[in-house]
Amino acid sequence: MIVRRRVLVGGRVHGVGFRVSVARRAAGRGVAGWVRNRPDGTVEAVLEGEAAAVESLVDFCRHGPRGAVVERVETSAEEPDGLHGFEIR
């Protein structure tokens, strides 16, 4: 089953390789979408793919890479849009 999740991650998540880590894991799991730093200091990601793969990435976002200090994670479900590939914005 294909699902889509929008994830907002707050805390110390800029300058610690968060986007690159999400992109690598997404590529390894066949998850499409994108990830970007937002001006408010959060990281936003859209993840689309098989439910188990997307949920594993959401779980990764709850702690992030070494050096990150995740203070909050907000997720919302969206309708899948048929995304292909993964990009860092």
N, C-alpha and C. Protein backbone atom coordinates (compact mmCIF):
# COMPACT_ATOMS: atom_id res chain seq x y z
N MET A 1 0.85 -1.18 0.00
CA MET A 1 0.00 0.00 0.00
C MET A 1 0.89 1.24 0.00
N ILE A 2 0.64 2.14 -0.93
CA ILE A 2 1.40 3.39 -1.05
C ILE A 2 0.77 4.44 -0.14
N VAL A 3 1.61 5.10 0.66
CA VAL A 3 1.16 6.16 1.55
C VAL A 3 2.03 7.39 1.34
N ARG A 4 1.55 8.51 1.83
CA ARG A 4 2.31 9.77 1.78
C ARG A 4 2.19 10.46 3.13
N ARG A 5 3.33 10.91 3.64
CA ARG A 5 3.37 11.62 4.92
C ARG A 5 4.16 12.90 4.75
N ARG A 6 3.67 13.98 5.37
CA ARG A 6 4.42 15.22 5.50
C ARG A 6 4.93 15.25 6.93
N VAL A 7 6.22 15.52 7.09
CA VAL A 7 6.86 15.48 8.39
C VAL A 7 7.55 16.82 8.64
N LEU A 8 7.30 17.41 9.82
CA LEU A 8 8.00 18.61 10.26
C LEU A 8 8.79 18.25 11.50
N VAL A 9 10.08 18.54 11.48
CA VAL A 9 10.97 18.18 12.58
C VAL A 9 11.58 19.44 13.16
N GLY A 10 11.42 19.61 14.47
CA GLY A 10 11.97 20.78 15.13
C GLY A 10 13.05 20.41 16.13
N GLY A 11 13.90 21.36 16.43
CA GLY A 11 15.01 21.15 17.35
C GLY A 11 16.29 21.63 16.69
N ARG A 12 17.40 21.04 17.05
CA ARG A 12 18.67 21.37 16.37
C ARG A 12 18.80 20.40 15.20
N VAL A 13 18.25 20.81 14.06
CA VAL A 13 18.19 19.93 12.89
C VAL A 13 18.81 20.54 11.64
N HIS A 14 19.30 21.77 11.73
CA HIS A 14 20.02 22.39 10.62
C HIS A 14 21.51 22.24 10.88
N GLY A 15 22.28 22.01 9.82
CA GLY A 15 23.73 21.95 9.94
C GLY A 15 24.27 20.66 10.54
N VAL A 16 23.44 19.61 10.57
CA VAL A 16 23.87 18.34 11.16
C VAL A 16 23.72 17.17 10.18
N GLY A 17 23.47 17.48 8.91
CA GLY A 17 23.33 16.42 7.91
C GLY A 17 21.96 15.76 7.89
N PHE A 18 20.97 16.42 8.45
CA PHE A 18 19.64 15.82 8.54
C PHE A 18 19.07 15.52 7.16
N ARG A 19 19.10 16.50 6.26
CA ARG A 19 18.51 16.32 4.93
C ARG A 19 19.22 15.21 4.15
N VAL A 20 20.54 15.21 4.20
CA VAL A 20 21.31 14.18 3.48
C VAL A 20 21.00 12.80 4.05
N SER A 21 20.90 12.69 5.36
CA SER A 21 20.60 11.40 6.00
C SER A 21 19.22 10.89 5.59
N VAL A 22 18.24 11.78 5.55
CA VAL A 22 16.89 11.38 5.13
C VAL A 22 16.91 10.95 3.66
N ALA A 23 17.60 11.71 2.82
CA ALA A 23 17.65 11.39 1.39
C ALA A 23 18.30 10.03 1.14
N ARG A 24 19.39 9.76 1.83
CA ARG A 24 20.06 8.45 1.66
C ARG A 24 19.17 7.31 2.08
N ARG A 25 18.51 7.47 3.22
CA ARG A 25 17.62 6.41 3.70
C ARG A 25 16.43 6.23 2.77
N ALA A 26 15.90 7.33 2.25
CA ALA A 26 14.78 7.25 1.32
C ALA A 26 15.18 6.49 0.07
N ALA A 27 16.34 6.81 -0.49
CA ALA A 27 16.81 6.13 -1.69
C ALA A 27 16.99 4.64 -1.43
N GLY A 28 17.51 4.29 -0.28
CA GLY A 28 17.73 2.90 0.06
C GLY A 28 16.46 2.10 0.30
N ARG A 29 15.37 2.80 0.58
CA ARG A 29 14.10 2.13 0.85
C ARG A 29 13.09 2.30 -0.29
N GLY A 30 13.49 2.98 -1.36
CA GLY A 30 12.57 3.18 -2.47
C GLY A 30 11.48 4.18 -2.19
N VAL A 31 11.74 5.13 -1.29
CA VAL A 31 10.76 6.16 -0.94
C VAL A 31 11.03 7.40 -1.79
N ALA A 32 9.97 7.95 -2.35
CA ALA A 32 10.06 9.16 -3.17
C ALA A 32 9.70 10.38 -2.32
N GLY A 33 10.04 11.56 -2.84
CA GLY A 33 9.65 12.80 -2.17
C GLY A 33 10.76 13.81 -2.13
N TRP A 34 10.78 14.61 -1.06
CA TRP A 34 11.78 15.65 -0.91
C TRP A 34 11.94 16.02 0.56
N VAL A 35 13.04 16.74 0.83
CA VAL A 35 13.32 17.23 2.18
C VAL A 35 13.97 18.60 2.04
N ARG A 36 13.64 19.52 2.96
CA ARG A 36 14.22 20.86 2.90
C ARG A 36 14.31 21.47 4.29
N ASN A 37 15.26 22.41 4.42
CA ASN A 37 15.33 23.25 5.60
C ASN A 37 14.33 24.38 5.42
N ARG A 38 13.64 24.71 6.50
CA ARG A 38 12.71 25.84 6.46
C ARG A 38 13.33 27.02 7.20
N PRO A 39 12.95 28.24 6.84
CA PRO A 39 13.53 29.42 7.48
C PRO A 39 13.29 29.49 8.99
N ASP A 40 12.26 28.80 9.48
CA ASP A 40 11.97 28.84 10.91
C ASP A 40 12.83 27.87 11.73
N GLY A 41 13.79 27.21 11.08
CA GLY A 41 14.70 26.30 11.78
C GLY A 41 14.26 24.85 11.80
N THR A 42 13.12 24.54 11.20
CA THR A 42 12.65 23.16 11.14
C THR A 42 13.10 22.52 9.83
N VAL A 43 12.95 21.21 9.76
CA VAL A 43 13.14 20.46 8.52
C VAL A 43 11.77 19.91 8.13
N GLU A 44 11.44 20.02 6.85
CA GLU A 44 10.18 19.51 6.32
C GLU A 44 10.49 18.45 5.29
N ALA A 45 9.74 17.36 5.33
CA ALA A 45 9.91 16.30 4.35
C ALA A 45 8.55 15.80 3.89
N VAL A 46 8.49 15.42 2.63
CA VAL A 46 7.34 14.70 2.08
C VAL A 46 7.87 13.34 1.66
N LEU A 47 7.25 12.30 2.18
CA LEU A 47 7.71 10.93 1.97
C LEU A 47 6.57 10.12 1.37
N GLU A 48 6.83 9.45 0.25
CA GLU A 48 5.79 8.69 -0.42
C GLU A 48 6.35 7.34 -0.87
N GLY A 49 5.66 6.28 -0.50
CA GLY A 49 6.08 4.95 -0.89
C GLY A 49 5.33 3.89 -0.11
N GLU A 50 5.89 2.69 -0.10
CA GLU A 50 5.29 1.59 0.67
C GLU A 50 5.19 1.99 2.14
N ALA A 51 4.09 1.63 2.77
CA ALA A 51 3.81 2.07 4.14
C ALA A 51 4.95 1.76 5.11
N ALA A 52 5.48 0.55 5.08
CA ALA A 52 6.54 0.17 6.03
C ALA A 52 7.79 1.01 5.82
N ALA A 53 8.14 1.29 4.57
CA ALA A 53 9.33 2.08 4.27
C ALA A 53 9.15 3.53 4.72
N VAL A 54 7.98 4.09 4.46
CA VAL A 54 7.71 5.47 4.88
C VAL A 54 7.72 5.57 6.40
N GLU A 55 7.10 4.62 7.07
CA GLU A 55 7.07 4.66 8.54
C GLU A 55 8.47 4.51 9.14
N SER A 56 9.34 3.74 8.49
CA SER A 56 10.70 3.62 9.01
C SER A 56 11.43 4.95 8.88
N LEU A 57 11.17 5.72 7.83
CA LEU A 57 11.77 7.05 7.70
C LEU A 57 11.19 8.03 8.72
N VAL A 58 9.89 7.95 8.96
CA VAL A 58 9.30 8.80 9.99
C VAL A 58 9.94 8.49 11.34
N ASP A 59 10.15 7.21 11.63
CA ASP A 59 10.82 6.82 12.88
C ASP A 59 12.24 7.39 12.94
N PHE A 60 12.98 7.35 11.82
CA PHE A 60 14.31 7.93 11.79
C PHE A 60 14.25 9.42 12.13
N CYS A 61 13.25 10.12 11.60
CA CYS A 61 13.11 11.56 11.86
C CYS A 61 12.90 11.86 13.34
N ARG A 62 12.43 10.90 14.10
CA ARG A 62 12.21 11.13 15.53
C ARG A 62 13.51 11.26 16.32
N HIS A 63 14.63 10.81 15.76
CA HIS A 63 15.92 10.98 16.46
C HIS A 63 16.97 11.63 15.56
N GLY A 64 16.87 11.45 14.24
CA GLY A 64 17.77 12.09 13.30
C GLY A 64 19.18 11.52 13.34
N PRO A 65 20.09 12.15 12.58
CA PRO A 65 21.47 11.69 12.54
C PRO A 65 22.24 12.13 13.79
N ARG A 66 23.44 11.61 13.93
CA ARG A 66 24.30 12.03 15.03
C ARG A 66 24.46 13.55 14.96
N GLY A 67 24.37 14.21 16.09
CA GLY A 67 24.51 15.66 16.15
C GLY A 67 23.18 16.38 16.18
N ALA A 68 22.12 15.72 15.75
CA ALA A 68 20.80 16.35 15.79
C ALA A 68 20.21 16.21 17.19
N VAL A 69 19.42 17.19 17.56
CA VAL A 69 18.64 17.13 18.80
C VAL A 69 17.19 17.39 18.41
N VAL A 70 16.44 16.31 18.23
CA VAL A 70 15.05 16.42 17.80
C VAL A 70 14.18 16.69 19.02
N GLU A 71 13.45 17.79 18.98
CA GLU A 71 12.57 18.16 20.08
C GLU A 71 11.10 17.88 19.79
N ARG A 72 10.75 17.88 18.51
CA ARG A 72 9.35 17.59 18.16
C ARG A 72 9.26 17.10 16.72
N VAL A 73 8.29 16.26 16.48
CA VAL A 73 8.01 15.75 15.14
C VAL A 73 6.50 15.78 14.95
N GLU A 74 6.08 16.43 13.89
CA GLU A 74 4.67 16.48 13.53
C GLU A 74 4.51 15.75 12.20
N THR A 75 3.54 14.86 12.12
CA THR A 75 3.29 14.16 10.86
C THR A 75 1.84 14.33 10.45
N SER A 76 1.61 14.36 9.17
CA SER A 76 0.25 14.38 8.67
C SER A 76 0.18 13.50 7.43
N ALA A 77 -0.94 12.84 7.27
CA ALA A 77 -1.16 11.98 6.11
C ALA A 77 -1.70 12.83 4.97
N GLU A 78 -1.24 12.51 3.76
CA GLU A 78 -1.73 13.17 2.56
C GLU A 78 -2.03 12.10 1.52
N GLU A 79 -2.74 12.49 0.50
CA GLU A 79 -3.03 11.56 -0.59
C GLU A 79 -1.77 11.36 -1.43
N PRO A 80 -1.40 10.13 -1.74
CA PRO A 80 -0.24 9.90 -2.61
C PRO A 80 -0.43 10.61 -3.96
N ASP A 81 0.71 11.10 -4.49
CA ASP A 81 0.67 11.91 -5.70
C ASP A 81 1.46 11.27 -6.84
N GLY A 82 1.98 10.06 -6.63
CA GLY A 82 2.74 9.39 -7.67
C GLY A 82 4.14 9.96 -7.85
N LEU A 83 4.74 10.43 -6.77
CA LEU A 83 6.08 11.00 -6.85
C LEU A 83 7.11 9.95 -7.27
N HIS A 84 8.18 10.41 -7.93
CA HIS A 84 9.28 9.55 -8.33
C HIS A 84 10.58 10.24 -7.93
N GLY A 85 11.52 9.47 -7.41
CA GLY A 85 12.81 10.02 -7.02
C GLY A 85 12.72 10.78 -5.71
N PHE A 86 13.88 11.21 -5.24
CA PHE A 86 13.94 11.95 -3.97
C PHE A 86 14.93 13.09 -4.14
N GLU A 87 14.55 14.27 -3.66
CA GLU A 87 15.44 15.42 -3.82
C GLU A 87 15.60 16.19 -2.51
N ILE A 88 16.77 16.79 -2.39
CA ILE A 88 17.03 17.72 -1.30
C ILE A 88 16.78 19.11 -1.87
N ARG A 89 15.91 19.84 -1.23
CA ARG A 89 15.59 21.20 -1.72
C ARG A 89 16.31 22.25 -0.91
